[in-house]
Amino acid sequence: MGRLRPGYPAGVTHPGDHPAEGRPAAGPPVSVVIATRNRRERLLTTLGHLAALPERPPVIVVDNASSDGSAAAAGRAFPGTAVLSLAANEGAAARNAGARLATTPYVAFSDDDSWWEPGALTAAARALDADRRLGLLAASVVVGEDRHLDPTSAVMALCPLNADLSPLPGGRRGVLGFLACGAVVRRSAFLTAGGFPAGIGVGGEEEPVALAMVAMGWKTAYEPSVVAVHHPLPAGDTRSGRARTMVRNRLLTAWGLLPGGDAWRITAACLTRPSRWPAVADAARRLPAVVASRRPVPPAVAAARRRLAQG
């Protein structure tokens, strides 16, 4: 972590008050947490969009040991933003540090190339207020200048189960995954479930969060009225690396949280595709530690996951 400043956790730079301390009870109930690494200009664009929101949410930037001055630039350009500088790249787990720092009951996650539509955070807070069992809302994510619906959001919109993981009709559509750049969580539920796993980088980190929350009795649901906007850079040469990470993390999730039969089926499906063998090898190196600490979800949750996987 960075150098300790008076009144703040190690690594936090903020020239004013804590992002939620001292606010009246009627203040924003949702903080926005952004994890970033070496994408300064994209981060500043995102912060500009968030600063313009009518909700005026507290914003916490968690910098994953950037070398391009991202943390300092964010603090200079947006002095109302809390900036937490990490000493090492913690990948997706950096978001956990931001959620711990937040003092609002709800936390919305953004990437450094995504932001929230005006009114989206208000709608999310209203939904979470109305259902105390609701732990996570997966937003509808629109992509790029043409605002096309992200394929993952399109799939979630057709999920065959409601938020109680029972067959529809009735209630919001239940999900066991989400897009991290478009999720709003009940902070206490998210942190109690352990947050994003450490040591797996970025890619496929959402499913273990959803499974852990549902296993604890929380609902996780898709809400199309809550909209996030994603403006990713072209994938370029990173596409194959990201795909490999996602396959590896899917396998680690399977062996850490799913029944043995499900884990074997997912592994066997990967082994039938030679392009996925490097990811399987990556996962195999980590399997002893994962299996040693595995905690399979309840049978009903595993059955719901199989039903969702079948479409």
C-alpha atoms as a PDB file:
ATOM      1  CA  MET A   1       0.000   0.000   0.000  1.00  0.00           C
ATOM      2  CA  GLY A   2       1.033   3.609  -0.330  1.00  0.00           C
ATOM      3  CA  ARG A   3       2.214   5.996   2.364  1.00  0.00           C
ATOM      4  CA  LEU A   4      -0.175   6.511   5.286  1.00  0.00           C
ATOM      5  CA  ARG A   5      -1.834   9.908   5.364  1.00  0.00           C
ATOM      6  CA  PRO A   6      -3.494  11.256   8.515  1.00  0.00           C
ATOM      7  CA  GLY A   7      -7.050  10.028   8.866  1.00  0.00           C
ATOM      8  CA  TYR A   8      -7.011   7.678   5.869  1.00  0.00           C
ATOM      9  CA  PRO A   9      -6.116   4.043   5.238  1.00  0.00           C
ATOM     10  CA  ALA A  10      -2.672   3.411   3.772  1.00  0.00           C
ATOM     11  CA  GLY A  11      -2.476   4.458   0.137  1.00  0.00           C
ATOM     12  CA  VAL A  12      -5.527   6.744   0.116  1.00  0.00           C
ATOM     13  CA  THR A  13      -5.037  10.236  -1.242  1.00  0.00           C
ATOM     14  CA  HIS A  14      -7.917  12.620  -0.844  1.00  0.00           C
ATOM     15  CA  PRO A  15      -7.745  16.367  -0.218  1.00  0.00           C
ATOM     16  CA  GLY A  16     -11.183  16.583   1.375  1.00  0.00           C
ATOM     17  CA  ASP A  17     -13.528  14.448   3.409  1.00  0.00           C
ATOM     18  CA  HIS A  18     -13.904  10.697   3.098  1.00  0.00           C
ATOM     19  CA  PRO A  19     -16.186  10.089   0.097  1.00  0.00           C
ATOM     20  CA  ALA A  20     -19.208   9.320   2.245  1.00  0.00           C
ATOM     21  CA  GLU A  21     -18.357  10.507   5.760  1.00  0.00           C
ATOM     22  CA  GLY A  22     -20.121  13.613   6.908  1.00  0.00           C
ATOM     23  CA  ARG A  23     -22.837  13.394   4.274  1.00  0.00           C
ATOM     24  CA  PRO A  24     -26.429  13.770   5.441  1.00  0.00           C
ATOM     25  CA  ALA A  25     -28.580  10.658   5.683  1.00  0.00           C
ATOM     26  CA  ALA A  26     -30.270  11.694   2.438  1.00  0.00           C
ATOM     27  CA  GLY A  27     -26.949  11.626   0.581  1.00  0.00           C
ATOM     28  CA  PRO A  28     -26.174   9.215  -2.255  1.00  0.00           C
ATOM     29  CA  PRO A  29     -26.635   5.593  -1.103  1.00  0.00           C
ATOM     30  CA  VAL A  30     -24.349   4.220  -3.846  1.00  0.00           C
ATOM     31  CA  SER A  31     -20.585   4.636  -4.182  1.00  0.00           C
ATOM     32  CA  VAL A  32     -18.827   3.880  -7.469  1.00  0.00           C
ATOM     33  CA  VAL A  33     -15.623   1.834  -7.296  1.00  0.00           C
ATOM     34  CA  ILE A  34     -13.214   1.738 -10.244  1.00  0.00           C
ATOM     35  CA  ALA A  35     -10.165  -0.518 -10.500  1.00  0.00           C
ATOM     36  CA  THR A  36      -7.622   0.702 -13.034  1.00  0.00           C
ATOM     37  CA  ARG A  37      -4.130   0.044 -14.308  1.00  0.00           C
ATOM     38  CA  ASN A  38      -2.114   2.123 -16.802  1.00  0.00           C
ATOM     39  CA  ARG A  39      -5.067   3.620 -18.660  1.00  0.00           C
ATOM     40  CA  ARG A  40      -4.888   7.197 -17.470  1.00  0.00           C
ATOM     41  CA  GLU A  41      -6.752   8.906 -20.300  1.00  0.00           C
ATOM     42  CA  ARG A  42      -9.536   6.336 -20.320  1.00  0.00           C
ATOM     43  CA  LEU A  43      -9.846   6.693 -16.556  1.00  0.00           C
ATOM     44  CA  LEU A  44     -10.133  10.479 -16.765  1.00  0.00           C
ATOM     45  CA  THR A  45     -12.861  10.182 -19.405  1.00  0.00           C
ATOM     46  CA  THR A  46     -14.799   7.804 -17.168  1.00  0.00           C
ATOM     47  CA  LEU A  47     -14.418  10.070 -14.147  1.00  0.00           C
ATOM     48  CA  GLY A  48     -15.778  12.950 -16.207  1.00  0.00           C
ATOM     49  CA  HIS A  49     -18.929  10.984 -16.996  1.00  0.00           C
ATOM     50  CA  LEU A  50     -19.375   9.944 -13.366  1.00  0.00           C
ATOM     51  CA  ALA A  51     -18.870  13.506 -12.124  1.00  0.00           C
ATOM     52  CA  ALA A  52     -21.724  14.639 -14.387  1.00  0.00           C
ATOM     53  CA  LEU A  53     -24.265  12.190 -12.928  1.00  0.00           C
ATOM     54  CA  PRO A  54     -27.225  13.817 -11.172  1.00  0.00           C
ATOM     55  CA  GLU A  55     -26.784  11.397  -8.243  1.00  0.00           C
ATOM     56  CA  ARG A  56     -23.298  12.804  -7.559  1.00  0.00           C
ATOM     57  CA  PRO A  57     -22.107   9.452  -6.181  1.00  0.00           C
ATOM     58  CA  PRO A  58     -18.936   9.176  -4.111  1.00  0.00           C
ATOM     59  CA  VAL A  59     -16.244   7.749  -6.406  1.00  0.00           C
ATOM     60  CA  ILE A  60     -13.321   5.596  -5.286  1.00  0.00           C
ATOM     61  CA  VAL A  61     -10.489   4.810  -7.692  1.00  0.00           C
ATOM     62  CA  VAL A  62      -8.302   1.817  -6.838  1.00  0.00           C
ATOM     63  CA  ASP A  63      -5.079   2.038  -8.806  1.00  0.00           C
ATOM     64  CA  ASN A  64      -3.412  -1.312  -9.503  1.00  0.00           C
ATOM     65  CA  ALA A  65       0.196  -0.084  -9.253  1.00  0.00           C
ATOM     66  CA  SER A  66       0.042   1.917 -12.490  1.00  0.00           C
ATOM     67  CA  SER A  67       3.251   3.332 -13.930  1.00  0.00           C
ATOM     68  CA  ASP A  68       1.598   6.017 -16.066  1.00  0.00           C
ATOM     69  CA  GLY A  69       0.599   8.442 -13.313  1.00  0.00           C
ATOM     70  CA  SER A  70      -3.056   7.388 -13.287  1.00  0.00           C
ATOM     71  CA  ALA A  71      -3.545   7.915  -9.555  1.00  0.00           C
ATOM     72  CA  ALA A  72      -1.989  11.384  -9.455  1.00  0.00           C
ATOM     73  CA  ALA A  73      -3.842  12.479 -12.583  1.00  0.00           C
ATOM     74  CA  ALA A  74      -7.183  11.366 -11.160  1.00  0.00           C
ATOM     75  CA  GLY A  75      -6.552  13.231  -7.924  1.00  0.00           C
ATOM     76  CA  ARG A  76      -5.590  16.426  -9.733  1.00  0.00           C
ATOM     77  CA  ALA A  77      -8.430  16.420 -12.258  1.00  0.00           C
ATOM     78  CA  PHE A  78     -11.136  15.256  -9.851  1.00  0.00           C
ATOM     79  CA  PRO A  79     -10.244  16.393  -6.326  1.00  0.00           C
ATOM     80  CA  GLY A  80     -13.501  15.035  -4.952  1.00  0.00           C
ATOM     81  CA  THR A  81     -12.465  11.498  -5.836  1.00  0.00           C
ATOM     82  CA  ALA A  82     -10.843   9.163  -3.317  1.00  0.00           C
ATOM     83  CA  VAL A  83      -7.785   7.416  -4.750  1.00  0.00           C
ATOM     84  CA  LEU A  84      -6.392   4.243  -3.254  1.00  0.00           C
ATOM     85  CA  SER A  85      -2.940   3.330  -4.614  1.00  0.00           C
ATOM     86  CA  LEU A  86      -1.970  -0.334  -4.357  1.00  0.00           C
ATOM     87  CA  ALA A  87       1.645  -1.437  -4.175  1.00  0.00           C
ATOM     88  CA  ALA A  88       1.037  -4.354  -6.557  1.00  0.00           C
ATOM     89  CA  ASN A  89      -1.417  -5.283  -9.292  1.00  0.00           C
ATOM     90  CA  GLU A  90      -4.230  -7.159  -7.557  1.00  0.00           C
ATOM     91  CA  GLY A  91      -6.367  -7.544 -10.677  1.00  0.00           C
ATOM     92  CA  ALA A  92     -10.091  -7.846 -10.086  1.00  0.00           C
ATOM     93  CA  ALA A  93      -9.585  -8.193  -6.330  1.00  0.00           C
ATOM     94  CA  ALA A  94      -8.587  -4.518  -6.220  1.00  0.00           C
ATOM     95  CA  ARG A  95     -12.308  -3.751  -6.292  1.00  0.00           C
ATOM     96  CA  ASN A  96     -12.624  -5.345  -2.847  1.00  0.00           C
ATOM     97  CA  ALA A  97     -10.376  -2.672  -1.361  1.00  0.00           C
ATOM     98  CA  GLY A  98     -12.590   0.022  -2.830  1.00  0.00           C
ATOM     99  CA  ALA A  99     -15.731  -1.647  -1.467  1.00  0.00           C
ATOM    100  CA  ARG A 100     -14.159  -1.857   1.999  1.00  0.00           C
ATOM    101  CA  LEU A 101     -13.352   1.851   1.854  1.00  0.00           C
ATOM    102  CA  ALA A 102     -16.895   2.824   0.854  1.00  0.00           C
ATOM    103  CA  THR A 103     -19.330   3.741   3.613  1.00  0.00           C
ATOM    104  CA  THR A 104     -22.533   3.682   1.556  1.00  0.00           C
ATOM    105  CA  PRO A 105     -24.835   0.644   1.764  1.00  0.00           C
ATOM    106  CA  TYR A 106     -24.469  -0.073  -1.958  1.00  0.00           C
ATOM    107  CA  VAL A 107     -21.487  -0.147  -4.300  1.00  0.00           C
ATOM    108  CA  ALA A 108     -21.557   0.107  -8.092  1.00  0.00           C
ATOM    109  CA  PHE A 109     -18.542  -1.140 -10.030  1.00  0.00           C
ATOM    110  CA  SER A 110     -17.210   0.571 -13.123  1.00  0.00           C
ATOM    111  CA  ASP A 111     -14.201  -0.232 -15.241  1.00  0.00           C
ATOM    112  CA  ASP A 112     -11.925   2.586 -16.347  1.00  0.00           C
ATOM    113  CA  ASP A 113     -13.755   2.545 -19.677  1.00  0.00           C
ATOM    114  CA  SER A 114     -17.338   2.326 -18.401  1.00  0.00           C
ATOM    115  CA  TRP A 115     -19.782   4.533 -16.539  1.00  0.00           C
ATOM    116  CA  TRP A 116     -23.434   4.732 -15.472  1.00  0.00           C
ATOM    117  CA  GLU A 117     -26.384   6.314 -17.219  1.00  0.00           C
ATOM    118  CA  PRO A 118     -28.049   9.236 -15.408  1.00  0.00           C
ATOM    119  CA  GLY A 119     -30.644   7.801 -13.037  1.00  0.00           C
ATOM    120  CA  ALA A 120     -29.245   4.264 -13.149  1.00  0.00           C
ATOM    121  CA  LEU A 121     -27.811   4.370  -9.642  1.00  0.00           C
ATOM    122  CA  THR A 122     -31.050   5.810  -8.265  1.00  0.00           C
ATOM    123  CA  ALA A 123     -32.993   2.953  -9.877  1.00  0.00           C
ATOM    124  CA  ALA A 124     -30.544   0.398  -8.492  1.00  0.00           C
ATOM    125  CA  ALA A 125     -30.758   1.803  -4.968  1.00  0.00           C
ATOM    126  CA  ARG A 126     -34.547   1.787  -5.160  1.00  0.00           C
ATOM    127  CA  ALA A 127     -34.559  -1.886  -6.162  1.00  0.00           C
ATOM    128  CA  LEU A 128     -32.124  -2.856  -3.418  1.00  0.00           C
ATOM    129  CA  ASP A 129     -34.105  -0.877  -0.831  1.00  0.00           C
ATOM    130  CA  ALA A 130     -37.298  -2.661  -1.866  1.00  0.00           C
ATOM    131  CA  ASP A 131     -35.925  -6.220  -1.514  1.00  0.00           C
ATOM    132  CA  ARG A 132     -33.644  -6.858   1.432  1.00  0.00           C
ATOM    133  CA  ARG A 133     -32.713 -10.274   0.049  1.00  0.00           C
ATOM    134  CA  LEU A 134     -31.383  -8.750  -3.154  1.00  0.00           C
ATOM    135  CA  GLY A 135     -27.590  -8.775  -2.993  1.00  0.00           C
ATOM    136  CA  LEU A 136     -26.563  -7.939  -6.556  1.00  0.00           C
ATOM    137  CA  LEU A 137     -28.118  -6.278  -9.573  1.00  0.00           C
ATOM    138  CA  ALA A 138     -26.639  -7.000 -12.989  1.00  0.00           C
ATOM    139  CA  ALA A 139     -27.226  -3.973 -15.182  1.00  0.00           C
ATOM    140  CA  SER A 140     -28.015  -3.812 -18.857  1.00  0.00           C
ATOM    141  CA  VAL A 141     -24.679  -2.893 -20.468  1.00  0.00           C
ATOM    142  CA  VAL A 142     -24.683  -0.977 -23.747  1.00  0.00           C
ATOM    143  CA  VAL A 143     -21.479  -0.816 -25.748  1.00  0.00           C
ATOM    144  CA  GLY A 144     -19.813   1.822 -27.913  1.00  0.00           C
ATOM    145  CA  GLU A 145     -21.135   4.814 -29.781  1.00  0.00           C
ATOM    146  CA  ASP A 146     -23.964   2.767 -31.308  1.00  0.00           C
ATOM    147  CA  ARG A 147     -25.006   1.574 -27.820  1.00  0.00           C
ATOM    148  CA  HIS A 148     -25.570  -2.015 -28.853  1.00  0.00           C
ATOM    149  CA  LEU A 149     -26.508  -4.406 -26.091  1.00  0.00           C
ATOM    150  CA  ASP A 150     -23.584  -6.417 -24.761  1.00  0.00           C
ATOM    151  CA  PRO A 151     -24.053 -10.107 -25.696  1.00  0.00           C
ATOM    152  CA  THR A 152     -23.830 -11.117 -22.033  1.00  0.00           C
ATOM    153  CA  SER A 153     -26.653  -8.740 -21.152  1.00  0.00           C
ATOM    154  CA  ALA A 154     -28.694 -10.172 -24.016  1.00  0.00           C
ATOM    155  CA  VAL A 155     -28.244 -13.667 -22.565  1.00  0.00           C
ATOM    156  CA  MET A 156     -29.152 -12.506 -19.047  1.00  0.00           C
ATOM    157  CA  ALA A 157     -32.320 -10.892 -20.383  1.00  0.00           C
ATOM    158  CA  LEU A 158     -33.493 -14.376 -21.421  1.00  0.00           C
ATOM    159  CA  CYS A 159     -32.514 -16.290 -18.278  1.00  0.00           C
ATOM    160  CA  PRO A 160     -35.183 -18.927 -17.579  1.00  0.00           C
ATOM    161  CA  LEU A 161     -35.141 -18.522 -13.773  1.00  0.00           C
ATOM    162  CA  ASN A 162     -36.271 -15.720 -11.486  1.00  0.00           C
ATOM    163  CA  ALA A 163     -34.182 -14.224  -8.696  1.00  0.00           C
ATOM    164  CA  ASP A 164     -35.250 -17.042  -6.358  1.00  0.00           C
ATOM    165  CA  LEU A 165     -33.754 -19.427  -8.960  1.00  0.00           C
ATOM    166  CA  SER A 166     -37.218 -20.828  -9.608  1.00  0.00           C
ATOM    167  CA  PRO A 167     -38.810 -21.158 -13.037  1.00  0.00           C
ATOM    168  CA  LEU A 168     -40.335 -17.971 -14.400  1.00  0.00           C
ATOM    169  CA  PRO A 169     -42.785 -16.185 -14.517  1.00  0.00           C
ATOM    170  CA  GLY A 170     -42.601 -13.709 -11.680  1.00  0.00           C
ATOM    171  CA  GLY A 171     -39.862 -11.452 -10.417  1.00  0.00           C
ATOM    172  CA  ARG A 172     -36.590 -10.340 -11.938  1.00  0.00           C
ATOM    173  CA  ARG A 173     -34.571 -12.809 -13.935  1.00  0.00           C
ATOM    174  CA  GLY A 174     -32.033 -14.585 -11.779  1.00  0.00           C
ATOM    175  CA  VAL A 175     -28.384 -14.753 -12.815  1.00  0.00           C
ATOM    176  CA  LEU A 176     -25.308 -16.602 -11.623  1.00  0.00           C
ATOM    177  CA  GLY A 177     -22.890 -14.322 -13.406  1.00  0.00           C
ATOM    178  CA  PHE A 178     -22.669 -10.689 -14.431  1.00  0.00           C
ATOM    179  CA  LEU A 179     -20.460  -8.095 -16.080  1.00  0.00           C
ATOM    180  CA  ALA A 180     -18.235  -6.449 -13.496  1.00  0.00           C
ATOM    181  CA  CYS A 181     -18.449  -3.110 -15.328  1.00  0.00           C
ATOM    182  CA  GLY A 182     -22.226  -3.165 -14.804  1.00  0.00           C
ATOM    183  CA  ALA A 183     -23.009  -4.457 -11.335  1.00  0.00           C
ATOM    184  CA  VAL A 184     -24.414  -2.860  -8.189  1.00  0.00           C
ATOM    185  CA  VAL A 185     -24.005  -4.812  -4.952  1.00  0.00           C
ATOM    186  CA  ARG A 186     -25.224  -4.634  -1.410  1.00  0.00           C
ATOM    187  CA  ARG A 187     -21.886  -3.817   0.169  1.00  0.00           C
ATOM    188  CA  SER A 188     -22.293  -5.985   3.283  1.00  0.00           C
ATOM    189  CA  ALA A 189     -23.388  -9.013   1.239  1.00  0.00           C
ATOM    190  CA  PHE A 190     -20.561  -8.620  -1.251  1.00  0.00           C
ATOM    191  CA  LEU A 191     -17.878  -8.339   1.411  1.00  0.00           C
ATOM    192  CA  THR A 192     -19.268 -11.157   3.546  1.00  0.00           C
ATOM    193  CA  ALA A 193     -19.220 -13.416   0.479  1.00  0.00           C
ATOM    194  CA  GLY A 194     -15.524 -12.650   0.034  1.00  0.00           C
ATOM    195  CA  GLY A 195     -15.654 -10.297  -2.956  1.00  0.00           C
ATOM    196  CA  PHE A 196     -13.675 -11.000  -6.102  1.00  0.00           C
ATOM    197  CA  PRO A 197     -11.146 -13.839  -5.745  1.00  0.00           C
ATOM    198  CA  ALA A 198      -7.527 -12.869  -5.332  1.00  0.00           C
ATOM    199  CA  GLY A 199      -4.824 -13.987  -7.712  1.00  0.00           C
ATOM    200  CA  ILE A 200      -6.909 -14.662 -10.826  1.00  0.00           C
ATOM    201  CA  GLY A 201      -6.395 -11.399 -12.690  1.00  0.00           C
ATOM    202  CA  VAL A 202      -9.224  -9.985 -14.787  1.00  0.00           C
ATOM    203  CA  GLY A 203     -11.515 -12.178 -16.877  1.00  0.00           C
ATOM    204  CA  GLY A 204     -14.224 -14.522 -15.651  1.00  0.00           C
ATOM    205  CA  GLU A 205     -13.969 -13.259 -12.086  1.00  0.00           C
ATOM    206  CA  GLU A 206     -17.699 -12.597 -11.783  1.00  0.00           C
ATOM    207  CA  GLU A 207     -19.113 -16.132 -11.549  1.00  0.00           C
ATOM    208  CA  PRO A 208     -17.468 -17.057  -8.231  1.00  0.00           C
ATOM    209  CA  VAL A 209     -18.846 -13.849  -6.694  1.00  0.00           C
ATOM    210  CA  ALA A 210     -22.390 -14.631  -7.824  1.00  0.00           C
ATOM    211  CA  LEU A 211     -22.165 -18.278  -6.746  1.00  0.00           C
ATOM    212  CA  ALA A 212     -20.824 -17.363  -3.313  1.00  0.00           C
ATOM    213  CA  MET A 213     -23.531 -14.757  -2.750  1.00  0.00           C
ATOM    214  CA  VAL A 214     -26.355 -17.053  -3.834  1.00  0.00           C
ATOM    215  CA  ALA A 215     -24.943 -19.878  -1.696  1.00  0.00           C
ATOM    216  CA  MET A 216     -25.298 -17.531   1.284  1.00  0.00           C
ATOM    217  CA  GLY A 217     -28.954 -16.891   0.477  1.00  0.00           C
ATOM    218  CA  TRP A 218     -28.726 -13.634  -1.475  1.00  0.00           C
ATOM    219  CA  LYS A 219     -30.563 -13.003  -4.730  1.00  0.00           C
ATOM    220  CA  THR A 220     -28.600 -11.962  -7.817  1.00  0.00           C
ATOM    221  CA  ALA A 221     -30.726 -10.599 -10.626  1.00  0.00           C
ATOM    222  CA  TYR A 222     -30.698  -8.859 -14.006  1.00  0.00           C
ATOM    223  CA  GLU A 223     -32.336  -5.441 -14.098  1.00  0.00           C
ATOM    224  CA  PRO A 224     -32.701  -3.907 -17.588  1.00  0.00           C
ATOM    225  CA  SER A 225     -33.780  -0.508 -16.243  1.00  0.00           C
ATOM    226  CA  VAL A 226     -30.333  -0.030 -14.693  1.00  0.00           C
ATOM    227  CA  VAL A 227     -27.997   0.854 -17.553  1.00  0.00           C
ATOM    228  CA  ALA A 228     -24.201   1.036 -17.738  1.00  0.00           C
ATOM    229  CA  VAL A 229     -22.232   2.273 -20.753  1.00  0.00           C
ATOM    230  CA  HIS A 230     -19.049   0.516 -21.864  1.00  0.00           C
ATOM    231  CA  HIS A 231     -16.561   1.997 -24.318  1.00  0.00           C
ATOM    232  CA  PRO A 232     -13.798  -0.625 -24.567  1.00  0.00           C
ATOM    233  CA  LEU A 233     -10.685  -0.212 -26.620  1.00  0.00           C
ATOM    234  CA  PRO A 234     -10.281  -2.577 -29.588  1.00  0.00           C
ATOM    235  CA  ALA A 235      -9.240  -5.992 -28.301  1.00  0.00           C
ATOM    236  CA  GLY A 236      -6.097  -6.114 -30.449  1.00  0.00           C
ATOM    237  CA  ASP A 237      -3.432  -8.579 -29.401  1.00  0.00           C
ATOM    238  CA  THR A 238      -4.912  -9.059 -25.933  1.00  0.00           C
ATOM    239  CA  ARG A 239      -7.891 -11.099 -27.134  1.00  0.00           C
ATOM    240  CA  SER A 240      -6.191 -14.520 -26.946  1.00  0.00           C
ATOM    241  CA  GLY A 241      -4.677 -13.763 -23.542  1.00  0.00           C
ATOM    242  CA  ARG A 242      -8.028 -12.664 -22.128  1.00  0.00           C
ATOM    243  CA  ALA A 243      -9.751 -15.764 -23.513  1.00  0.00           C
ATOM    244  CA  ARG A 244      -7.112 -17.991 -21.926  1.00  0.00           C
ATOM    245  CA  THR A 245      -7.573 -16.260 -18.569  1.00  0.00           C
ATOM    246  CA  MET A 246     -11.337 -16.653 -18.744  1.00  0.00           C
ATOM    247  CA  VAL A 247     -11.130 -20.379 -19.483  1.00  0.00           C
ATOM    248  CA  ARG A 248      -8.603 -20.899 -16.693  1.00  0.00           C
ATOM    249  CA  ASN A 249     -10.797 -19.027 -14.222  1.00  0.00           C
ATOM    250  CA  ARG A 250     -13.884 -20.961 -15.306  1.00  0.00           C
ATOM    251  CA  LEU A 251     -12.044 -24.172 -14.451  1.00  0.00           C
ATOM    252  CA  LEU A 252     -10.810 -22.823 -11.118  1.00  0.00           C
ATOM    253  CA  THR A 253     -14.346 -21.749 -10.245  1.00  0.00           C
ATOM    254  CA  ALA A 254     -15.692 -25.156 -11.195  1.00  0.00           C
ATOM    255  CA  TRP A 255     -13.217 -27.036  -9.023  1.00  0.00           C
ATOM    256  CA  GLY A 256     -13.533 -24.584  -6.146  1.00  0.00           C
ATOM    257  CA  LEU A 257     -17.302 -24.155  -5.974  1.00  0.00           C
ATOM    258  CA  LEU A 258     -19.180 -26.746  -8.029  1.00  0.00           C
ATOM    259  CA  PRO A 259     -19.934 -30.438  -7.370  1.00  0.00           C
ATOM    260  CA  GLY A 260     -17.312 -32.845  -8.681  1.00  0.00           C
ATOM    261  CA  GLY A 261     -19.478 -34.089 -11.542  1.00  0.00           C
ATOM    262  CA  ASP A 262     -20.021 -30.561 -12.836  1.00  0.00           C
ATOM    263  CA  ALA A 263     -16.323 -29.754 -12.523  1.00  0.00           C
ATOM    264  CA  TRP A 264     -15.386 -32.873 -14.506  1.00  0.00           C
ATOM    265  CA  ARG A 265     -17.902 -32.051 -17.236  1.00  0.00           C
ATOM    266  CA  ILE A 266     -16.585 -28.513 -17.639  1.00  0.00           C
ATOM    267  CA  THR A 267     -13.012 -29.801 -17.704  1.00  0.00           C
ATOM    268  CA  ALA A 268     -13.838 -32.484 -20.265  1.00  0.00           C
ATOM    269  CA  ALA A 269     -15.493 -29.905 -22.523  1.00  0.00           C
ATOM    270  CA  CYS A 270     -12.307 -27.811 -22.426  1.00  0.00           C
ATOM    271  CA  LEU A 271     -10.132 -30.804 -23.194  1.00  0.00           C
ATOM    272  CA  THR A 272     -12.048 -31.477 -26.419  1.00  0.00           C
ATOM    273  CA  ARG A 273     -10.794 -28.142 -27.799  1.00  0.00           C
ATOM    274  CA  PRO A 274      -7.018 -28.001 -28.319  1.00  0.00           C
ATOM    275  CA  SER A 275      -7.103 -24.191 -28.291  1.00  0.00           C
ATOM    276  CA  ARG A 276      -8.039 -24.402 -24.621  1.00  0.00           C
ATOM    277  CA  TRP A 277      -5.286 -26.765 -23.537  1.00  0.00           C
ATOM    278  CA  PRO A 278      -2.925 -23.963 -22.454  1.00  0.00           C
ATOM    279  CA  ALA A 279      -5.664 -22.627 -20.168  1.00  0.00           C
ATOM    280  CA  VAL A 280      -6.249 -26.114 -18.771  1.00  0.00           C
ATOM    281  CA  ALA A 281      -2.517 -26.367 -18.045  1.00  0.00           C
ATOM    282  CA  ASP A 282      -2.635 -22.998 -16.289  1.00  0.00           C
ATOM    283  CA  ALA A 283      -5.541 -24.183 -14.152  1.00  0.00           C
ATOM    284  CA  ALA A 284      -3.895 -27.509 -13.378  1.00  0.00           C
ATOM    285  CA  ARG A 285      -0.949 -25.742 -11.758  1.00  0.00           C
ATOM    286  CA  ARG A 286      -3.318 -24.065  -9.312  1.00  0.00           C
ATOM    287  CA  LEU A 287      -5.702 -26.954  -8.724  1.00  0.00           C
ATOM    288  CA  PRO A 288      -4.059 -28.450  -5.608  1.00  0.00           C
ATOM    289  CA  ALA A 289      -4.571 -25.228  -3.657  1.00  0.00           C
ATOM    290  CA  VAL A 290      -8.071 -24.728  -5.052  1.00  0.00           C
ATOM    291  CA  VAL A 291      -9.196 -28.282  -4.283  1.00  0.00           C
ATOM    292  CA  ALA A 292      -7.729 -28.098  -0.785  1.00  0.00           C
ATOM    293  CA  SER A 293     -10.011 -25.172   0.041  1.00  0.00           C
ATOM    294  CA  ARG A 294     -13.012 -26.051  -2.142  1.00  0.00           C
ATOM    295  CA  ARG A 295     -16.482 -25.310  -0.794  1.00  0.00           C
ATOM    296  CA  PRO A 296     -19.133 -26.633  -3.190  1.00  0.00           C
ATOM    297  CA  VAL A 297     -22.323 -24.611  -3.377  1.00  0.00           C
ATOM    298  CA  PRO A 298     -25.595 -26.203  -2.201  1.00  0.00           C
ATOM    299  CA  PRO A 299     -27.142 -28.717  -4.637  1.00  0.00           C
ATOM    300  CA  ALA A 300     -30.025 -26.363  -5.477  1.00  0.00           C
ATOM    301  CA  VAL A 301     -27.586 -23.659  -6.565  1.00  0.00           C
ATOM    302  CA  ALA A 302     -25.581 -26.115  -8.655  1.00  0.00           C
ATOM    303  CA  ALA A 303     -28.781 -27.345 -10.288  1.00  0.00           C
ATOM    304  CA  ALA A 304     -29.797 -23.769 -11.085  1.00  0.00           C
ATOM    305  CA  ARG A 305     -26.411 -23.160 -12.681  1.00  0.00           C
ATOM    306  CA  ARG A 306     -26.824 -26.232 -14.874  1.00  0.00           C
ATOM    307  CA  ARG A 307     -30.263 -24.999 -15.901  1.00  0.00           C
ATOM    308  CA  LEU A 308     -28.907 -21.568 -16.814  1.00  0.00           C
ATOM    309  CA  ALA A 309     -26.008 -23.106 -18.735  1.00  0.00           C
ATOM    310  CA  GLN A 310     -28.490 -25.056 -20.827  1.00  0.00           C
ATOM    311  CA  GLY A 311     -30.254 -21.803 -21.751  1.00  0.00           C
END
